[in-house]
Amino acid sequence: MFTRNRELIDEIAALSADEREYLYAALTLHGHACGGMPMGFVGGLAALRALGIERERNMDTVAIVHAGRGHAAGCFVDGVQFATGCTFGKGVMQRAPKGKWSFELIHKPSGRAVRVRIRNAILDRAFAAPFITDYRKKGVRPTDIPAQVAHPGFKRLFGLDAEEVVKIEGPYERHLPKPKPCFERVVCSVCGASVAENYARREEGAAVCVDCTHYAS
């Protein structure tokens, strides 16, 4: 799989060396080649350029994705995550489910943001492609779709200008609260599990986790 993914990514000349590495990582984690993940990836790169910022490595930039669940948009979210560096684990990727192929990218230090959405013409073509019509709609798993069908759709967007793929609103002013990070932990007096201090409850002077507390969360 790793060799096949590397060969596919190396065929994309429009990206910088670093961008190809991020796309390779995205494809490897995502698990299959499709047209949806590159939409998010191209959109993420375009959002960074629009804000004049680099890929997030700390917790300064937040992506709020509008894709929901149960429809063909989950792949899009993985692309946004890898292009922008905003991850769920770092707490700087959030869902606001609206069933849309769009997201908002917010740079907290500057208080500036952009909203990005995939153009309808791109989605029209993707949903009319054999990957969807001949395979996914018929219940075929993405990893079982032939490479000659999946790979062209994966590469296609990288041959277009970003403006052809996405529509960007902004930059505009947008400020988010800056919660203080918690670096302390306690041990639940009931079950013995470690829990971040800011999630623990106190019952009769002892630390209790959310699962063990007698009070509503």
Protein backbone atom coordinates (compact mmCIF):
# COMPACT_ATOMS: atom_id res chain seq x y z
CA MET A 1 0.00 0.00 0.00
CA PHE A 2 2.74 2.46 0.93
CA THR A 3 4.54 2.01 -2.39
CA ARG A 4 1.30 2.37 -4.34
CA ASN A 5 0.38 5.53 -2.45
CA ARG A 6 3.83 7.01 -2.98
CA GLU A 7 3.67 6.35 -6.70
CA LEU A 8 0.26 7.99 -6.95
CA ILE A 9 1.35 11.10 -5.03
CA ASP A 10 4.58 11.44 -7.00
CA GLU A 11 2.50 11.79 -10.16
CA ILE A 12 1.11 15.11 -8.87
CA ALA A 13 3.55 17.79 -10.00
CA ALA A 14 1.44 20.81 -9.03
CA LEU A 15 2.26 20.49 -5.32
CA SER A 16 5.41 21.45 -3.46
CA ALA A 17 7.54 18.73 -1.92
CA ASP A 18 6.11 19.43 1.53
CA GLU A 19 2.53 19.44 0.23
CA ARG A 20 3.11 16.08 -1.44
CA GLU A 21 4.34 14.67 1.86
CA TYR A 22 1.22 15.88 3.65
CA LEU A 23 -0.97 14.47 0.89
CA TYR A 24 0.87 11.15 1.07
CA ALA A 25 0.25 11.05 4.83
CA ALA A 26 -3.40 11.96 4.26
CA LEU A 27 -3.89 9.20 1.69
CA THR A 28 -2.15 6.62 3.88
CA LEU A 29 -4.27 7.43 6.93
CA HIS A 30 -7.47 7.91 4.93
CA GLY A 31 -7.06 4.44 3.47
CA HIS A 32 -8.27 4.79 -0.11
CA ALA A 33 -8.00 7.02 -3.19
CA CYS A 34 -11.16 8.96 -4.00
CA GLY A 35 -12.27 12.38 -5.21
CA GLY A 36 -13.53 13.67 -1.87
CA MET A 37 -10.38 13.82 0.22
CA PRO A 38 -8.52 15.93 -2.39
CA MET A 39 -11.40 18.44 -2.32
CA GLY A 40 -10.73 19.09 1.35
CA PHE A 41 -6.99 19.12 0.79
CA VAL A 42 -7.14 21.69 -2.02
CA GLY A 43 -9.61 23.75 0.01
CA GLY A 44 -7.36 23.62 3.06
CA LEU A 45 -4.32 24.83 1.12
CA ALA A 46 -6.40 27.64 -0.41
CA ALA A 47 -7.62 28.72 3.03
CA LEU A 48 -4.06 28.92 4.38
CA ARG A 49 -3.00 31.06 1.42
CA ALA A 50 -6.01 33.34 1.81
CA LEU A 51 -5.09 33.99 5.44
CA GLY A 52 -1.37 34.21 4.72
CA ILE A 53 -0.53 31.62 7.38
CA GLU A 54 1.38 28.35 7.50
CA ARG A 55 0.07 24.88 8.25
CA GLU A 56 -0.92 24.62 11.91
CA ARG A 57 1.49 22.82 14.23
CA ASN A 58 0.32 24.18 17.58
CA MET A 59 -3.18 25.31 18.55
CA ASP A 60 -3.42 28.72 16.89
CA THR A 61 -5.75 27.86 14.01
CA VAL A 62 -9.20 26.27 14.18
CA ALA A 63 -11.08 24.54 11.37
CA ILE A 64 -14.84 24.18 11.70
CA VAL A 65 -16.09 21.68 9.13
CA HIS A 66 -19.70 21.68 8.00
CA ALA A 67 -19.87 18.10 6.75
CA GLY A 68 -22.18 15.84 8.71
CA ARG A 69 -22.41 12.05 8.94
CA GLY A 70 -24.13 9.51 6.78
CA HIS A 71 -23.41 11.22 3.48
CA ALA A 72 -20.47 11.37 1.09
CA ALA A 73 -18.46 14.08 2.84
CA GLY A 74 -16.34 12.35 5.45
CA CYS A 75 -13.45 12.01 3.01
CA PHE A 76 -13.55 15.77 2.50
CA VAL A 77 -12.94 16.33 6.22
CA ASP A 78 -9.76 14.24 6.21
CA GLY A 79 -8.40 16.41 3.40
CA VAL A 80 -9.10 19.62 5.34
CA GLN A 81 -7.44 18.15 8.41
CA PHE A 82 -4.20 17.19 6.69
CA ALA A 83 -3.84 20.32 4.59
CA THR A 84 -4.44 22.74 7.45
CA GLY A 85 -2.86 20.74 10.28
CA CYS A 86 -6.00 21.29 12.37
CA THR A 87 -6.79 18.01 14.09
CA PHE A 88 -9.49 16.69 16.38
CA GLY A 89 -6.82 15.44 18.76
CA LYS A 90 -5.39 18.94 19.26
CA GLY A 91 -8.89 20.30 19.74
CA VAL A 92 -8.59 22.65 16.76
CA MET A 93 -10.88 20.73 14.42
CA GLN A 94 -14.60 21.00 15.14
CA ARG A 95 -17.81 19.78 13.48
CA ALA A 96 -20.80 21.98 12.83
CA PRO A 97 -22.85 19.42 10.86
CA LYS A 98 -24.78 21.04 8.02
CA GLY A 99 -24.34 18.45 5.27
CA LYS A 100 -22.13 20.82 3.29
CA TRP A 101 -18.75 20.50 1.60
CA SER A 102 -17.45 23.60 3.31
CA PHE A 103 -15.50 24.77 6.33
CA GLU A 104 -14.34 27.86 8.18
CA LEU A 105 -10.68 28.40 9.05
CA ILE A 106 -9.99 30.78 11.93
CA HIS A 107 -6.57 32.14 12.90
CA LYS A 108 -6.87 32.96 16.58
CA PRO A 109 -3.81 35.24 17.00
CA SER A 110 -4.94 37.63 14.26
CA GLY A 111 -8.70 37.19 14.71
CA ARG A 112 -9.09 36.63 10.95
CA ALA A 113 -11.01 33.88 9.21
CA VAL A 114 -12.16 32.60 5.83
CA ARG A 115 -15.05 30.40 4.75
CA VAL A 116 -14.34 27.88 2.00
CA ARG A 117 -16.78 25.78 -0.01
CA ILE A 118 -16.37 23.41 -2.92
CA ARG A 119 -17.88 24.77 -6.11
CA ASN A 120 -21.03 23.08 -7.37
CA ALA A 121 -19.47 22.28 -10.74
CA ILE A 122 -16.78 20.22 -9.02
CA LEU A 123 -19.34 18.34 -6.95
CA ASP A 124 -21.55 17.81 -10.01
CA ARG A 125 -18.70 16.12 -11.84
CA ALA A 126 -17.64 14.06 -8.83
CA PHE A 127 -21.14 12.72 -8.21
CA ALA A 128 -21.55 11.85 -11.89
CA ALA A 129 -18.24 9.98 -12.06
CA PRO A 130 -18.10 6.16 -12.25
CA PHE A 131 -16.52 6.03 -8.76
CA ILE A 132 -19.91 7.08 -7.37
CA THR A 133 -22.44 5.97 -9.97
CA ASP A 134 -21.01 2.55 -10.89
CA TYR A 135 -19.44 1.55 -7.60
CA ARG A 136 -20.22 3.42 -4.36
CA LYS A 137 -23.96 3.74 -5.02
CA LYS A 138 -24.02 0.01 -5.62
CA GLY A 139 -22.40 -0.73 -2.30
CA VAL A 140 -18.84 -1.38 -3.46
CA ARG A 141 -16.29 -0.49 -0.79
CA PRO A 142 -13.81 2.26 -1.76
CA THR A 143 -10.82 -0.07 -1.41
CA ASP A 144 -12.44 -2.52 -3.86
CA ILE A 145 -12.83 0.04 -6.64
CA PRO A 146 -10.24 -0.46 -9.43
CA ALA A 147 -7.29 1.95 -9.46
CA GLN A 148 -8.04 2.92 -13.05
CA VAL A 149 -11.36 4.29 -11.79
CA ALA A 150 -10.28 5.78 -8.46
CA HIS A 151 -6.91 7.32 -9.31
CA PRO A 152 -7.98 9.76 -12.07
CA GLY A 153 -10.60 11.27 -9.76
CA PHE A 154 -8.03 11.59 -6.99
CA LYS A 155 -5.53 13.44 -9.20
CA ARG A 156 -7.90 15.55 -11.25
CA LEU A 157 -8.32 18.52 -8.89
CA PHE A 158 -4.58 19.07 -8.63
CA GLY A 159 -4.50 19.97 -12.32
CA LEU A 160 -6.92 22.87 -11.74
CA ASP A 161 -6.43 26.32 -10.28
CA ALA A 162 -7.69 26.51 -6.70
CA GLU A 163 -10.21 29.17 -7.77
CA GLU A 164 -11.85 26.59 -10.04
CA VAL A 165 -12.25 24.19 -7.13
CA VAL A 166 -13.28 26.39 -4.21
CA LYS A 167 -15.08 29.62 -3.45
CA ILE A 168 -13.58 31.65 -0.60
CA GLU A 169 -15.33 34.28 1.52
CA GLY A 170 -13.09 36.62 3.48
CA PRO A 171 -10.81 37.18 5.20
CA TYR A 172 -13.11 38.67 7.83
CA GLU A 173 -12.88 39.26 11.58
CA ARG A 174 -13.66 36.31 13.82
CA HIS A 175 -12.65 35.83 17.43
CA LEU A 176 -12.81 32.63 19.47
CA PRO A 177 -12.45 32.19 23.22
CA LYS A 178 -9.02 31.05 24.37
CA PRO A 179 -9.50 28.46 27.13
CA LYS A 180 -6.53 27.89 29.41
CA PRO A 181 -5.00 24.45 28.81
CA CYS A 182 -5.00 21.98 31.71
CA PHE A 183 -1.80 20.06 32.39
CA GLU A 184 -2.88 18.48 35.68
CA ARG A 185 -4.53 15.11 36.29
CA VAL A 186 -6.15 13.39 39.22
CA VAL A 187 -7.17 9.80 39.95
CA CYS A 188 -10.84 8.97 40.34
CA SER A 189 -11.50 7.79 43.89
CA VAL A 190 -14.14 5.31 42.65
CA CYS A 191 -12.79 3.57 39.53
CA GLY A 192 -9.11 4.52 39.72
CA ALA A 193 -8.91 6.02 36.22
CA SER A 194 -6.73 9.02 35.52
CA VAL A 195 -8.74 12.07 34.48
CA ALA A 196 -7.79 15.60 33.48
CA GLU A 197 -8.31 17.85 36.48
CA ASN A 198 -10.66 20.19 34.61
CA TYR A 199 -13.03 17.25 33.96
CA ALA A 200 -13.02 15.86 37.50
CA ARG A 201 -15.83 16.36 39.99
CA ARG A 202 -15.52 16.61 43.79
CA GLU A 203 -17.70 14.49 46.04
CA GLU A 204 -17.08 14.65 49.80
CA GLY A 205 -13.66 16.12 49.09
CA ALA A 206 -12.55 13.29 46.78
CA ALA A 207 -11.96 13.45 43.02
CA VAL A 208 -14.54 11.59 40.92
CA CYS A 209 -14.62 11.17 37.15
CA VAL A 210 -17.68 11.99 35.03
CA ASP A 211 -18.59 8.31 34.70
CA CYS A 212 -18.62 7.78 38.46
CA THR A 213 -20.16 11.00 39.69
CA HIS A 214 -23.62 10.98 41.30
CA TYR A 215 -24.34 14.41 39.90
CA ALA A 216 -25.43 15.48 36.44
CA SER A 217 -22.52 16.44 34.21
